[in-house]
PDB file of N, CA and C in Angstrom:
ATOM      1  N   MET A   1      10.106  27.928   9.037  1.00  0.00           N
ATOM      2  CA  MET A   1      10.819  26.672   8.861  1.00  0.00           C
ATOM      3  C   MET A   1      10.147  25.545   9.660  1.00  0.00           C
ATOM      4  N   GLU A   2       9.758  25.819  10.907  1.00  0.00           N
ATOM      5  CA  GLU A   2       9.106  24.803  11.731  1.00  0.00           C
ATOM      6  C   GLU A   2       7.739  24.422  11.163  1.00  0.00           C
ATOM      7  N   GLU A   3       7.051  25.395  10.553  1.00  0.00           N
ATOM      8  CA  GLU A   3       5.752  25.104   9.947  1.00  0.00           C
ATOM      9  C   GLU A   3       5.914  24.157   8.765  1.00  0.00           C
ATOM     10  N   ASN A   4       6.983  24.353   7.978  1.00  0.00           N
ATOM     11  CA  ASN A   4       7.264  23.450   6.857  1.00  0.00           C
ATOM     12  C   ASN A   4       7.553  22.034   7.346  1.00  0.00           C
ATOM     13  N   LYS A   5       8.299  21.920   8.443  1.00  0.00           N
ATOM     14  CA  LYS A   5       8.609  20.598   8.991  1.00  0.00           C
ATOM     15  C   LYS A   5       7.347  19.901   9.467  1.00  0.00           C
ATOM     16  N   ALA A   6       6.472  20.644  10.119  1.00  0.00           N
ATOM     17  CA  ALA A   6       5.223  20.058  10.612  1.00  0.00           C
ATOM     18  C   ALA A   6       4.324  19.629   9.450  1.00  0.00           C
ATOM     19  N   THR A   7       4.240  20.451   8.420  1.00  0.00           N
ATOM     20  CA  THR A   7       3.426  20.117   7.259  1.00  0.00           C
ATOM     21  C   THR A   7       4.017  18.914   6.517  1.00  0.00           C
ATOM     22  N   TYR A   8       5.328  18.909   6.367  1.00  0.00           N
ATOM     23  CA  TYR A   8       6.012  17.779   5.718  1.00  0.00           C
ATOM     24  C   TYR A   8       5.727  16.494   6.484  1.00  0.00           C
ATOM     25  N   TRP A   9       5.849  16.538   7.795  1.00  0.00           N
ATOM     26  CA  TRP A   9       5.651  15.346   8.603  1.00  0.00           C
ATOM     27  C   TRP A   9       4.188  14.884   8.554  1.00  0.00           C
ATOM     28  N   SER A  10       3.252  15.820   8.552  1.00  0.00           N
ATOM     29  CA  SER A  10       1.844  15.420   8.493  1.00  0.00           C
ATOM     30  C   SER A  10       1.508  14.791   7.136  1.00  0.00           C
ATOM     31  N   GLU A  11       2.085  15.303   6.056  1.00  0.00           N
ATOM     32  CA  GLU A  11       1.862  14.692   4.745  1.00  0.00           C
ATOM     33  C   GLU A  11       2.519  13.316   4.677  1.00  0.00           C
ATOM     34  N   ASN A  12       3.678  13.168   5.292  1.00  0.00           N
ATOM     35  CA  ASN A  12       4.357  11.872   5.346  1.00  0.00           C
ATOM     36  C   ASN A  12       3.507  10.868   6.131  1.00  0.00           C
ATOM     37  N   LEU A  13       2.954  11.285   7.252  1.00  0.00           N
ATOM     38  CA  LEU A  13       2.105  10.401   8.047  1.00  0.00           C
ATOM     39  C   LEU A  13       0.841  10.005   7.285  1.00  0.00           C
ATOM     40  N   ARG A  14       0.312  10.917   6.492  1.00  0.00           N
ATOM     41  CA  ARG A  14      -0.862  10.610   5.683  1.00  0.00           C
ATOM     42  C   ARG A  14      -0.529   9.516   4.668  1.00  0.00           C
ATOM     43  N   LEU A  15       0.636   9.616   4.025  1.00  0.00           N
ATOM     44  CA  LEU A  15       1.067   8.585   3.073  1.00  0.00           C
ATOM     45  C   LEU A  15       1.254   7.232   3.767  1.00  0.00           C
ATOM     46  N   ILE A  16       1.847   7.261   4.946  1.00  0.00           N
ATOM     47  CA  ILE A  16       2.047   6.027   5.697  1.00  0.00           C
ATOM     48  C   ILE A  16       0.708   5.405   6.072  1.00  0.00           C
ATOM     49  N   PHE A  17      -0.250   6.231   6.488  1.00  0.00           N
ATOM     50  CA  PHE A  17      -1.574   5.729   6.843  1.00  0.00           C
ATOM     51  C   PHE A  17      -2.265   5.107   5.633  1.00  0.00           C
ATOM     52  N   ILE A  18      -2.141   5.735   4.476  1.00  0.00           N
ATOM     53  CA  ILE A  18      -2.725   5.179   3.249  1.00  0.00           C
ATOM     54  C   ILE A  18      -2.088   3.826   2.935  1.00  0.00           C
ATOM     55  N   CYS A  19      -0.761   3.741   3.034  1.00  0.00           N
ATOM     56  CA  CYS A  19      -0.065   2.476   2.761  1.00  0.00           C
ATOM     57  C   CYS A  19      -0.503   1.382   3.738  1.00  0.00           C
ATOM     58  N   LEU A  20      -0.602   1.717   5.015  1.00  0.00           N
ATOM     59  CA  LEU A  20      -1.014   0.726   6.009  1.00  0.00           C
ATOM     60  C   LEU A  20      -2.452   0.272   5.799  1.00  0.00           C
ATOM     61  N   THR A  21      -3.312   1.187   5.375  1.00  0.00           N
ATOM     62  CA  THR A  21      -4.704   0.837   5.108  1.00  0.00           C
ATOM     63  C   THR A  21      -4.803  -0.126   3.933  1.00  0.00           C
ATOM     64  N   ILE A  22      -4.091   0.182   2.852  1.00  0.00           N
ATOM     65  CA  ILE A  22      -4.093  -0.711   1.686  1.00  0.00           C
ATOM     66  C   ILE A  22      -3.495  -2.063   2.061  1.00  0.00           C
ATOM     67  N   TRP A  23      -2.416  -2.045   2.822  1.00  0.00           N
ATOM     68  CA  TRP A  23      -1.775  -3.283   3.270  1.00  0.00           C
ATOM     69  C   TRP A  23      -2.760  -4.136   4.071  1.00  0.00           C
ATOM     70  N   PHE A  24      -3.497  -3.508   4.981  1.00  0.00           N
ATOM     71  CA  PHE A  24      -4.463  -4.233   5.806  1.00  0.00           C
ATOM     72  C   PHE A  24      -5.590  -4.815   4.959  1.00  0.00           C
ATOM     73  N   VAL A  25      -6.128  -4.007   4.056  1.00  0.00           N
ATOM     74  CA  VAL A  25      -7.243  -4.464   3.224  1.00  0.00           C
ATOM     75  C   VAL A  25      -6.818  -5.638   2.347  1.00  0.00           C
ATOM     76  N   VAL A  26      -5.635  -5.545   1.739  1.00  0.00           N
ATOM     77  CA  VAL A  26      -5.180  -6.614   0.847  1.00  0.00           C
ATOM     78  C   VAL A  26      -4.834  -7.876   1.633  1.00  0.00           C
ATOM     79  N   SER A  27      -4.065  -7.738   2.704  1.00  0.00           N
ATOM     80  CA  SER A  27      -3.603  -8.933   3.409  1.00  0.00           C
ATOM     81  C   SER A  27      -4.682  -9.546   4.288  1.00  0.00           C
ATOM     82  N   PHE A  28      -5.337  -8.747   5.098  1.00  0.00           N
ATOM     83  CA  PHE A  28      -6.324  -9.294   6.028  1.00  0.00           C
ATOM     84  C   PHE A  28      -7.696  -9.410   5.376  1.00  0.00           C
ATOM     85  N   GLY A  29      -8.106  -8.352   4.677  1.00  0.00           N
ATOM     86  CA  GLY A  29      -9.431  -8.343   4.071  1.00  0.00           C
ATOM     87  C   GLY A  29      -9.575  -9.331   2.942  1.00  0.00           C
ATOM     88  N   LEU A  30      -8.737  -9.193   1.908  1.00  0.00           N
ATOM     89  CA  LEU A  30      -8.845 -10.070   0.734  1.00  0.00           C
ATOM     90  C   LEU A  30      -8.243 -11.444   0.976  1.00  0.00           C
ATOM     91  N   GLY A  31      -7.218 -11.504   1.791  1.00  0.00           N
ATOM     92  CA  GLY A  31      -6.537 -12.779   2.023  1.00  0.00           C
ATOM     93  C   GLY A  31      -7.186 -13.659   3.070  1.00  0.00           C
ATOM     94  N   LEU A  32      -7.950 -13.062   4.008  1.00  0.00           N
ATOM     95  CA  LEU A  32      -8.551 -13.866   5.079  1.00  0.00           C
ATOM     96  C   LEU A  32     -10.072 -13.721   5.164  1.00  0.00           C
ATOM     97  N   LEU A  33     -10.554 -12.500   5.258  1.00  0.00           N
ATOM     98  CA  LEU A  33     -11.983 -12.296   5.480  1.00  0.00           C
ATOM     99  C   LEU A  33     -12.837 -12.604   4.261  1.00  0.00           C
ATOM    100  N   LEU A  34     -12.390 -12.206   3.101  1.00  0.00           N
ATOM    101  CA  LEU A  34     -13.186 -12.379   1.887  1.00  0.00           C
ATOM    102  C   LEU A  34     -12.710 -13.548   1.027  1.00  0.00           C
ATOM    103  N   VAL A  35     -12.006 -14.479   1.628  1.00  0.00           N
ATOM    104  CA  VAL A  35     -11.423 -15.570   0.850  1.00  0.00           C
ATOM    105  C   VAL A  35     -12.510 -16.463   0.235  1.00  0.00           C
ATOM    106  N   GLU A  36     -13.574 -16.741   0.939  1.00  0.00           N
ATOM    107  CA  GLU A  36     -14.620 -17.628   0.405  1.00  0.00           C
ATOM    108  C   GLU A  36     -15.330 -17.023  -0.801  1.00  0.00           C
ATOM    109  N   PRO A  37     -15.788 -15.759  -0.744  1.00  0.00           N
ATOM    110  CA  PRO A  37     -16.410 -15.198  -1.950  1.00  0.00           C
ATOM    111  C   PRO A  37     -15.429 -15.077  -3.114  1.00  0.00           C
ATOM    112  N   LEU A  38     -14.170 -14.775  -2.821  1.00  0.00           N
ATOM    113  CA  LEU A  38     -13.172 -14.649  -3.888  1.00  0.00           C
ATOM    114  C   LEU A  38     -12.828 -15.995  -4.506  1.00  0.00           C
ATOM    115  N   ASN A  39     -12.980 -17.064  -3.749  1.00  0.00           N
ATOM    116  CA  ASN A  39     -12.654 -18.395  -4.267  1.00  0.00           C
ATOM    117  C   ASN A  39     -13.616 -18.861  -5.355  1.00  0.00           C
ATOM    118  N   GLU A  40     -14.711 -18.156  -5.550  1.00  0.00           N
ATOM    119  CA  GLU A  40     -15.631 -18.494  -6.635  1.00  0.00           C
ATOM    120  C   GLU A  40     -15.041 -18.149  -7.998  1.00  0.00           C
ATOM    121  N   PHE A  41     -14.030 -17.287  -8.012  1.00  0.00           N
ATOM    122  CA  PHE A  41     -13.367 -16.877  -9.253  1.00  0.00           C
ATOM    123  C   PHE A  41     -12.000 -17.535  -9.330  1.00  0.00           C
ATOM    124  N   ARG A  42     -11.503 -17.653 -10.539  1.00  0.00           N
ATOM    125  CA  ARG A  42     -10.189 -18.267 -10.732  1.00  0.00           C
ATOM    126  C   ARG A  42      -9.274 -17.303 -11.479  1.00  0.00           C
ATOM    127  N   LEU A  43      -7.990 -17.362 -11.121  1.00  0.00           N
ATOM    128  CA  LEU A  43      -6.964 -16.557 -11.789  1.00  0.00           C
ATOM    129  C   LEU A  43      -5.764 -17.460 -12.021  1.00  0.00           C
ATOM    130  N   GLY A  44      -5.462 -17.728 -13.271  1.00  0.00           N
ATOM    131  CA  GLY A  44      -4.336 -18.594 -13.600  1.00  0.00           C
ATOM    132  C   GLY A  44      -4.520 -20.013 -13.112  1.00  0.00           C
ATOM    133  N   GLY A  45      -5.763 -20.479 -13.044  1.00  0.00           N
ATOM    134  CA  GLY A  45      -6.023 -21.838 -12.594  1.00  0.00           C
ATOM    135  C   GLY A  45      -6.181 -21.976 -11.090  1.00  0.00           C
ATOM    136  N   TYR A  46      -5.933 -20.932 -10.342  1.00  0.00           N
ATOM    137  CA  TYR A  46      -6.041 -20.985  -8.888  1.00  0.00           C
ATOM    138  C   TYR A  46      -7.244 -20.177  -8.427  1.00  0.00           C
ATOM    139  N   LYS A  47      -7.785 -20.551  -7.301  1.00  0.00           N
ATOM    140  CA  LYS A  47      -8.884 -19.793  -6.727  1.00  0.00           C
ATOM    141  C   LYS A  47      -8.369 -18.404  -6.355  1.00  0.00           C
ATOM    142  N   LEU A  48      -9.193 -17.379  -6.603  1.00  0.00           N
ATOM    143  CA  LEU A  48      -8.745 -16.002  -6.411  1.00  0.00           C
ATOM    144  C   LEU A  48      -8.416 -15.697  -4.948  1.00  0.00           C
ATOM    145  N   GLY A  49      -9.169 -16.239  -4.009  1.00  0.00           N
ATOM    146  CA  GLY A  49      -8.864 -16.022  -2.590  1.00  0.00           C
ATOM    147  C   GLY A  49      -7.507 -16.573  -2.210  1.00  0.00           C
ATOM    148  N   PHE A  50      -7.212 -17.773  -2.687  1.00  0.00           N
ATOM    149  CA  PHE A  50      -5.899 -18.368  -2.451  1.00  0.00           C
ATOM    150  C   PHE A  50      -4.810 -17.527  -3.104  1.00  0.00           C
ATOM    151  N   TRP A  51      -5.080 -17.058  -4.332  1.00  0.00           N
ATOM    152  CA  TRP A  51      -4.087 -16.260  -5.054  1.00  0.00           C
ATOM    153  C   TRP A  51      -3.775 -14.975  -4.297  1.00  0.00           C
ATOM    154  N   PHE A  52      -4.805 -14.294  -3.777  1.00  0.00           N
ATOM    155  CA  PHE A  52      -4.562 -13.067  -3.012  1.00  0.00           C
ATOM    156  C   PHE A  52      -3.767 -13.356  -1.748  1.00  0.00           C
ATOM    157  N   ALA A  53      -4.067 -14.446  -1.081  1.00  0.00           N
ATOM    158  CA  ALA A  53      -3.355 -14.775   0.149  1.00  0.00           C
ATOM    159  C   ALA A  53      -1.898 -15.117  -0.113  1.00  0.00           C
ATOM    160  N   GLN A  54      -1.621 -15.731  -1.277  1.00  0.00           N
ATOM    161  CA  GLN A  54      -0.261 -16.183  -1.551  1.00  0.00           C
ATOM    162  C   GLN A  54       0.538 -15.218  -2.424  1.00  0.00           C
ATOM    163  N   GLN A  55      -0.011 -14.785  -3.532  1.00  0.00           N
ATOM    164  CA  GLN A  55       0.736 -13.987  -4.505  1.00  0.00           C
ATOM    165  C   GLN A  55       0.283 -12.531  -4.553  1.00  0.00           C
ATOM    166  N   GLY A  56      -1.010 -12.326  -4.535  1.00  0.00           N
ATOM    167  CA  GLY A  56      -1.550 -10.976  -4.705  1.00  0.00           C
ATOM    168  C   GLY A  56      -1.080 -10.005  -3.644  1.00  0.00           C
ATOM    169  N   SER A  57      -0.986 -10.485  -2.419  1.00  0.00           N
ATOM    170  CA  SER A  57      -0.536  -9.600  -1.345  1.00  0.00           C
ATOM    171  C   SER A  57       0.922  -9.185  -1.548  1.00  0.00           C
ATOM    172  N   ILE A  58       1.742 -10.085  -2.062  1.00  0.00           N
ATOM    173  CA  ILE A  58       3.147  -9.752  -2.317  1.00  0.00           C
ATOM    174  C   ILE A  58       3.243  -8.695  -3.412  1.00  0.00           C
ATOM    175  N   TYR A  59       2.465  -8.872  -4.492  1.00  0.00           N
ATOM    176  CA  TYR A  59       2.463  -7.868  -5.563  1.00  0.00           C
ATOM    177  C   TYR A  59       1.947  -6.524  -5.061  1.00  0.00           C
ATOM    178  N   ALA A  60       0.932  -6.556  -4.223  1.00  0.00           N
ATOM    179  CA  ALA A  60       0.403  -5.310  -3.661  1.00  0.00           C
ATOM    180  C   ALA A  60       1.459  -4.630  -2.789  1.00  0.00           C
ATOM    181  N   PHE A  61       2.187  -5.382  -1.988  1.00  0.00           N
ATOM    182  CA  PHE A  61       3.226  -4.811  -1.131  1.00  0.00           C
ATOM    183  C   PHE A  61       4.341  -4.198  -1.963  1.00  0.00           C
ATOM    184  N   LEU A  62       4.752  -4.882  -3.015  1.00  0.00           N
ATOM    185  CA  LEU A  62       5.787  -4.330  -3.892  1.00  0.00           C
ATOM    186  C   LEU A  62       5.299  -3.052  -4.568  1.00  0.00           C
ATOM    187  N   GLY A  63       4.056  -3.053  -4.996  1.00  0.00           N
ATOM    188  CA  GLY A  63       3.476  -1.847  -5.584  1.00  0.00           C
ATOM    189  C   GLY A  63       3.437  -0.700  -4.589  1.00  0.00           C
ATOM    190  N   LEU A  64       3.111  -1.001  -3.337  1.00  0.00           N
ATOM    191  CA  LEU A  64       3.094   0.029  -2.296  1.00  0.00           C
ATOM    192  C   LEU A  64       4.482   0.615  -2.058  1.00  0.00           C
ATOM    193  N   ILE A  65       5.499  -0.226  -2.100  1.00  0.00           N
ATOM    194  CA  ILE A  65       6.868   0.261  -1.897  1.00  0.00           C
ATOM    195  C   ILE A  65       7.241   1.269  -2.974  1.00  0.00           C
ATOM    196  N   PHE A  66       6.974   0.928  -4.232  1.00  0.00           N
ATOM    197  CA  PHE A  66       7.321   1.841  -5.321  1.00  0.00           C
ATOM    198  C   PHE A  66       6.447   3.096  -5.305  1.00  0.00           C
ATOM    199  N   TRP A  67       5.172   2.941  -4.991  1.00  0.00           N
ATOM    200  CA  TRP A  67       4.269   4.099  -4.915  1.00  0.00           C
ATOM    201  C   TRP A  67       4.716   5.051  -3.807  1.00  0.00           C
ATOM    202  N   TYR A  68       5.025   4.486  -2.627  1.00  0.00           N
ATOM    203  CA  TYR A  68       5.469   5.311  -1.503  1.00  0.00           C
ATOM    204  C   TYR A  68       6.782   6.021  -1.836  1.00  0.00           C
ATOM    205  N   GLY A  69       7.691   5.318  -2.472  1.00  0.00           N
ATOM    206  CA  GLY A  69       8.965   5.933  -2.854  1.00  0.00           C
ATOM    207  C   GLY A  69       8.773   7.090  -3.815  1.00  0.00           C
ATOM    208  N   ALA A  70       7.911   6.914  -4.808  1.00  0.00           N
ATOM    209  CA  ALA A  70       7.648   7.991  -5.766  1.00  0.00           C
ATOM    210  C   ALA A  70       6.978   9.186  -5.088  1.00  0.00           C
ATOM    211  N   LYS A  71       5.999   8.913  -4.227  1.00  0.00           N
ATOM    212  CA  LYS A  71       5.306  10.007  -3.533  1.00  0.00           C
ATOM    213  C   LYS A  71       6.256  10.753  -2.580  1.00  0.00           C
ATOM    214  N   MET A  72       7.148  10.017  -1.921  1.00  0.00           N
ATOM    215  CA  MET A  72       8.090  10.675  -1.008  1.00  0.00           C
ATOM    216  C   MET A  72       9.106  11.508  -1.776  1.00  0.00           C
ATOM    217  N   ASN A  73       9.509  11.055  -2.962  1.00  0.00           N
ATOM    218  CA  ASN A  73      10.406  11.875  -3.788  1.00  0.00           C
ATOM    219  C   ASN A  73       9.745  13.194  -4.152  1.00  0.00           C
ATOM    220  N   LYS A  74       8.463  13.137  -4.530  1.00  0.00           N
ATOM    221  CA  LYS A  74       7.729  14.363  -4.843  1.00  0.00           C
ATOM    222  C   LYS A  74       7.598  15.249  -3.613  1.00  0.00           C
ATOM    223  N   LEU A  75       7.333  14.636  -2.470  1.00  0.00           N
ATOM    224  CA  LEU A  75       7.196  15.397  -1.221  1.00  0.00           C
ATOM    225  C   LEU A  75       8.519  16.046  -0.835  1.00  0.00           C
ATOM    226  N   ASP A  76       9.614  15.318  -0.998  1.00  0.00           N
ATOM    227  CA  ASP A  76      10.935  15.877  -0.696  1.00  0.00           C
ATOM    228  C   ASP A  76      11.248  17.071  -1.587  1.00  0.00           C
ATOM    229  N   LYS A  77      10.919  16.960  -2.872  1.00  0.00           N
ATOM    230  CA  LYS A  77      11.156  18.086  -3.778  1.00  0.00           C
ATOM    231  C   LYS A  77      10.279  19.271  -3.433  1.00  0.00           C
ATOM    232  N   LYS A  78       9.042  18.985  -3.033  1.00  0.00           N
ATOM    233  CA  LYS A  78       8.107  20.055  -2.668  1.00  0.00           C
ATOM    234  C   LYS A  78       8.621  20.865  -1.480  1.00  0.00           C
ATOM    235  N   TYR A  79       9.215  20.193  -0.501  1.00  0.00           N
ATOM    236  CA  TYR A  79       9.700  20.866   0.698  1.00  0.00           C
ATOM    237  C   TYR A  79      11.214  21.045   0.709  1.00  0.00           C
ATOM    238  N   HIS A  80      11.850  20.834  -0.428  1.00  0.00           N
ATOM    239  CA  HIS A  80      13.291  21.059  -0.595  1.00  0.00           C
ATOM    240  C   HIS A  80      14.123  20.304   0.434  1.00  0.00           C
ATOM    241  N   SER A  81      13.812  19.030   0.586  1.00  0.00           N
ATOM    242  CA  SER A  81      14.611  18.199   1.502  1.00  0.00           C
ATOM    243  C   SER A  81      15.045  16.925   0.784  1.00  0.00           C
ATOM    244  N   GLU A  82      15.752  17.093  -0.337  1.00  0.00           N
ATOM    245  CA  GLU A  82      16.178  15.970  -1.154  1.00  0.00           C
ATOM    246  C   GLU A  82      17.422  15.261  -0.619  1.00  0.00           C
ATOM    247  N   ASP A  83      17.786  15.474   0.609  1.00  0.00           N
ATOM    248  CA  ASP A  83      19.012  14.894   1.148  1.00  0.00           C
ATOM    249  C   ASP A  83      18.997  13.409   1.072  1.00  0.00           C
TER     250      ASP A  83
END
């Protein structure tokens, strides 16, 4: 039982690390560091760097929430902890 808890927690931490990495890359990387190269492209009339800083990061965060929720549901079923 304790081994299952440790494995469950390590898989949960892996998912959290993946989410934080994507969050960092989208918000800091695309929104701040790579804004000048991205501004050469346009999306919906706006420069792509500006779009990522304003809208794209929000869409990415919402996508991460739903992705994390789906993955955690699968993880809960795998370890029989659907409480």
